[in-house]
Amino acid sequence: MARTQAQSEASPARERGESLLAERFALFAECLLTGVWIAVASLPVVTYPAAFAAGARHLRRRVAHEGGGRREFVADFRTAVRGGWIAGLLGWAAAAAVWVDVQAVRAGIPGGPLVGAVGVFALIGLAVAGLRAAAVWQPGASWRTLLADAGRRTVLDPAGSFLLVGGLAVVACSAWFVAPLAVPVLGAVAAAAVAVEERYRRR
């Protein structure tokens, strides 16, 4: 069974005269390039959910060996940003609320450490849910529905959620040590979100 599955996965690469190693390296390179696209599309600050949604859809097409490139990414981004900017704005509002909590901790307000810890964990959960929602976005999908469903999957699939937390930690560490490295890593995080959602779908 496993051998048959491995052969079926490798067959598209062989049909194009590529080795499995070359196919995987090409996918890795595509992830890094997608990270650059996501970073550029996120520059307006509130467009990061739409940028990740477009990046994830591009990677899904790449894995399925379907056509698509920069133009398709831009078209998906324009579609996703119509409702995605609101999700982005709410995300920044949540981050601002957590920043206030952290300031309360530093000021020594009673109960501040507990409130700060709850706020940080809630923000991480929202970030994971946002990634999971972006990973399954399709044109015409409602962001409210996507985020609500992704929130449930975040709780019901802790293993996948912890994997995405690790991806976010890698981005944060990359930005801390060498800021430019965080840009291509964004594509790897989008790919991880796609993989986590596919794994959950097949459970």
Protein backbone atom coordinates (compact mmCIF):
# COMPACT_ATOMS: atom_id res chain seq x y z
CA MET A 1 0.00 0.00 0.00
CA ALA A 2 2.75 2.46 1.03
CA ARG A 3 4.80 1.46 -2.02
CA THR A 4 1.85 2.07 -4.34
CA GLN A 5 1.22 5.47 -2.77
CA ALA A 6 4.88 6.47 -3.11
CA GLN A 7 4.86 5.40 -6.76
CA SER A 8 1.72 7.44 -7.44
CA GLU A 9 3.25 10.51 -5.77
CA ALA A 10 6.45 10.18 -7.75
CA SER A 11 4.77 9.51 -11.11
CA PRO A 12 4.11 13.18 -12.04
CA ALA A 13 7.79 13.94 -11.57
CA ARG A 14 8.85 10.95 -13.68
CA GLU A 15 6.40 11.91 -16.43
CA ARG A 16 8.21 15.22 -16.75
CA GLY A 17 11.60 13.56 -16.62
CA GLU A 18 12.39 14.85 -13.12
CA SER A 19 13.68 12.95 -10.12
CA LEU A 20 11.73 13.01 -6.87
CA LEU A 21 14.58 14.98 -5.26
CA ALA A 22 14.43 17.60 -8.00
CA GLU A 23 10.66 17.84 -7.62
CA ARG A 24 10.92 18.41 -3.87
CA PHE A 25 13.70 20.96 -4.26
CA ALA A 26 11.61 22.82 -6.84
CA LEU A 27 8.70 22.89 -4.40
CA PHE A 28 10.98 24.23 -1.65
CA ALA A 29 12.22 26.97 -3.98
CA GLU A 30 8.60 27.78 -4.87
CA CYS A 31 7.82 28.15 -1.16
CA LEU A 32 10.64 30.67 -0.74
CA LEU A 33 9.48 32.65 -3.78
CA THR A 34 5.92 32.60 -2.48
CA GLY A 35 7.21 34.03 0.79
CA VAL A 36 8.54 37.05 -1.09
CA TRP A 37 5.16 37.51 -2.80
CA ILE A 38 3.37 37.25 0.55
CA ALA A 39 5.69 39.82 2.13
CA VAL A 40 5.17 42.31 -0.71
CA ALA A 41 1.40 41.82 -0.68
CA SER A 42 1.38 42.37 3.11
CA LEU A 43 3.01 45.80 2.92
CA PRO A 44 -0.35 47.66 3.21
CA VAL A 45 -0.40 46.22 6.79
CA VAL A 46 -4.02 44.98 6.87
CA THR A 47 -3.69 42.78 3.77
CA TYR A 48 -1.67 39.95 5.33
CA PRO A 49 -4.63 37.48 5.54
CA ALA A 50 -5.32 37.94 1.83
CA ALA A 51 -1.61 37.63 1.06
CA PHE A 52 -1.35 34.31 2.90
CA ALA A 53 -4.59 33.10 1.28
CA ALA A 54 -3.26 33.85 -2.20
CA GLY A 55 0.10 32.28 -1.34
CA ALA A 56 -1.51 29.13 0.05
CA ARG A 57 -3.73 28.76 -3.03
CA HIS A 58 -0.68 29.16 -5.26
CA LEU A 59 1.13 26.40 -3.37
CA ARG A 60 -1.91 24.13 -3.56
CA ARG A 61 -1.88 24.56 -7.34
CA ARG A 62 1.85 23.85 -7.39
CA VAL A 63 1.44 20.62 -5.41
CA ALA A 64 -1.41 19.53 -7.70
CA HIS A 65 0.80 20.29 -10.75
CA GLU A 66 -1.69 22.85 -12.03
CA GLY A 67 -0.76 25.98 -13.91
CA GLY A 68 -0.34 29.26 -12.11
CA GLY A 69 2.22 31.91 -11.33
CA ARG A 70 2.55 35.53 -10.32
CA ARG A 71 -0.50 36.69 -12.29
CA GLU A 72 -2.72 34.09 -10.67
CA PHE A 73 -1.34 35.04 -7.27
CA VAL A 74 -2.18 38.70 -7.88
CA ALA A 75 -5.70 37.79 -9.06
CA ASP A 76 -6.28 35.66 -5.97
CA PHE A 77 -4.91 38.40 -3.74
CA ARG A 78 -7.26 40.99 -5.22
CA THR A 79 -10.21 38.69 -4.63
CA ALA A 80 -9.19 37.71 -1.10
CA VAL A 81 -8.46 41.25 0.04
CA ARG A 82 -12.08 42.38 -0.50
CA GLY A 83 -13.09 40.85 2.82
CA GLY A 84 -9.68 39.88 4.10
CA TRP A 85 -8.66 43.42 5.02
CA ILE A 86 -11.28 43.40 7.78
CA ALA A 87 -9.75 40.23 9.22
CA GLY A 88 -6.37 41.91 9.03
CA LEU A 89 -7.66 44.97 10.86
CA LEU A 90 -9.15 42.81 13.61
CA GLY A 91 -5.85 40.97 13.92
CA TRP A 92 -3.98 44.22 14.52
CA ALA A 93 -6.64 45.27 17.04
CA ALA A 94 -6.06 42.01 18.93
CA ALA A 95 -2.30 42.62 18.85
CA ALA A 96 -2.84 46.12 20.24
CA ALA A 97 -4.98 44.71 23.07
CA VAL A 98 -2.23 42.24 23.96
CA TRP A 99 0.34 45.06 23.92
CA VAL A 100 -1.82 46.91 26.48
CA ASP A 101 -1.90 43.75 28.60
CA VAL A 102 1.89 43.51 28.47
CA GLN A 103 2.19 47.13 29.57
CA ALA A 104 -0.10 46.30 32.49
CA VAL A 105 2.26 43.49 33.48
CA ARG A 106 5.24 45.84 33.37
CA ALA A 107 3.40 48.43 35.42
CA GLY A 108 2.85 45.88 38.18
CA ILE A 109 -0.94 46.06 38.13
CA PRO A 110 -2.50 43.29 40.31
CA GLY A 111 -3.45 40.32 38.16
CA GLY A 112 -1.39 41.72 35.32
CA PRO A 113 0.78 38.61 34.73
CA LEU A 114 -2.27 36.36 34.41
CA VAL A 115 -4.07 38.74 32.07
CA GLY A 116 -0.90 39.17 30.02
CA ALA A 117 -0.34 35.43 29.70
CA VAL A 118 -3.95 34.84 28.65
CA GLY A 119 -3.68 37.63 26.10
CA VAL A 120 -0.49 36.25 24.57
CA PHE A 121 -1.89 32.72 24.29
CA ALA A 122 -5.11 34.08 22.77
CA LEU A 123 -3.12 36.05 20.20
CA ILE A 124 -1.11 32.96 19.25
CA GLY A 125 -4.35 31.00 18.87
CA LEU A 126 -5.81 33.73 16.65
CA ALA A 127 -2.67 33.72 14.49
CA VAL A 128 -2.87 29.94 14.04
CA ALA A 129 -6.57 30.12 13.22
CA GLY A 130 -5.84 32.85 10.69
CA LEU A 131 -3.21 30.71 8.99
CA ARG A 132 -5.53 27.71 8.88
CA ALA A 133 -8.31 29.85 7.42
CA ALA A 134 -5.99 31.26 4.75
CA ALA A 135 -4.77 27.76 3.87
CA VAL A 136 -8.26 26.66 2.74
CA TRP A 137 -9.45 29.95 1.23
CA GLN A 138 -11.20 29.80 -2.12
CA PRO A 139 -12.66 32.65 -4.21
CA GLY A 140 -16.13 33.46 -2.91
CA ALA A 141 -15.51 32.08 0.57
CA SER A 142 -16.62 34.13 3.57
CA TRP A 143 -13.79 35.13 5.87
CA ARG A 144 -16.13 35.04 8.85
CA THR A 145 -17.03 31.42 8.11
CA LEU A 146 -13.43 30.50 7.33
CA LEU A 147 -12.16 31.93 10.62
CA ALA A 148 -14.95 30.34 12.68
CA ASP A 149 -14.25 26.91 11.19
CA ALA A 150 -10.49 27.41 11.52
CA GLY A 151 -10.92 28.28 15.19
CA ARG A 152 -12.61 24.95 15.81
CA ARG A 153 -9.90 23.07 13.91
CA THR A 154 -7.24 24.91 15.93
CA VAL A 155 -8.69 23.40 19.11
CA LEU A 156 -9.60 19.97 17.69
CA ASP A 157 -6.21 19.46 16.01
CA PRO A 158 -3.61 20.52 18.59
CA ALA A 159 -0.76 18.69 16.84
CA GLY A 160 -1.27 20.65 13.63
CA SER A 161 -1.71 23.87 15.57
CA PHE A 162 1.56 23.35 17.47
CA LEU A 163 3.30 22.77 14.14
CA LEU A 164 2.12 26.17 12.95
CA VAL A 165 3.19 27.76 16.22
CA GLY A 166 6.66 26.37 15.51
CA GLY A 167 6.56 27.91 12.04
CA LEU A 168 5.63 31.29 13.47
CA ALA A 169 8.48 30.95 15.98
CA VAL A 170 10.92 30.31 13.12
CA VAL A 171 9.73 33.49 11.39
CA ALA A 172 10.14 35.47 14.62
CA CYS A 173 13.64 34.08 15.22
CA SER A 174 14.65 34.74 11.62
CA ALA A 175 13.46 38.34 11.91
CA TRP A 176 15.30 38.72 15.21
CA PHE A 177 18.67 37.46 13.97
CA VAL A 178 18.62 38.30 10.24
CA ALA A 179 15.50 40.22 9.26
CA PRO A 180 15.61 39.47 5.48
CA LEU A 181 15.45 35.72 6.20
CA ALA A 182 11.93 36.12 7.59
CA VAL A 183 10.62 37.07 4.13
CA PRO A 184 11.14 33.75 2.29
CA VAL A 185 10.30 31.78 5.45
CA LEU A 186 6.76 33.17 5.20
CA GLY A 187 6.24 30.90 2.20
CA ALA A 188 7.34 27.88 4.24
CA VAL A 189 4.78 28.81 6.92
CA ALA A 190 2.06 29.03 4.26
CA ALA A 191 3.12 25.61 2.97
CA ALA A 192 3.00 24.21 6.51
CA ALA A 193 -0.54 25.56 6.92
CA VAL A 194 -1.58 23.88 3.66
CA ALA A 195 -0.02 20.59 4.79
CA VAL A 196 -1.68 20.79 8.22
CA GLU A 197 -5.09 21.38 6.67
CA GLU A 198 -4.62 18.53 4.19
CA ARG A 199 -3.60 16.23 7.02
CA TYR A 200 -6.69 17.21 9.01
CA ARG A 201 -8.94 16.69 5.98
CA ARG A 202 -7.64 13.14 5.52
CA ARG A 203 -8.10 12.11 9.14
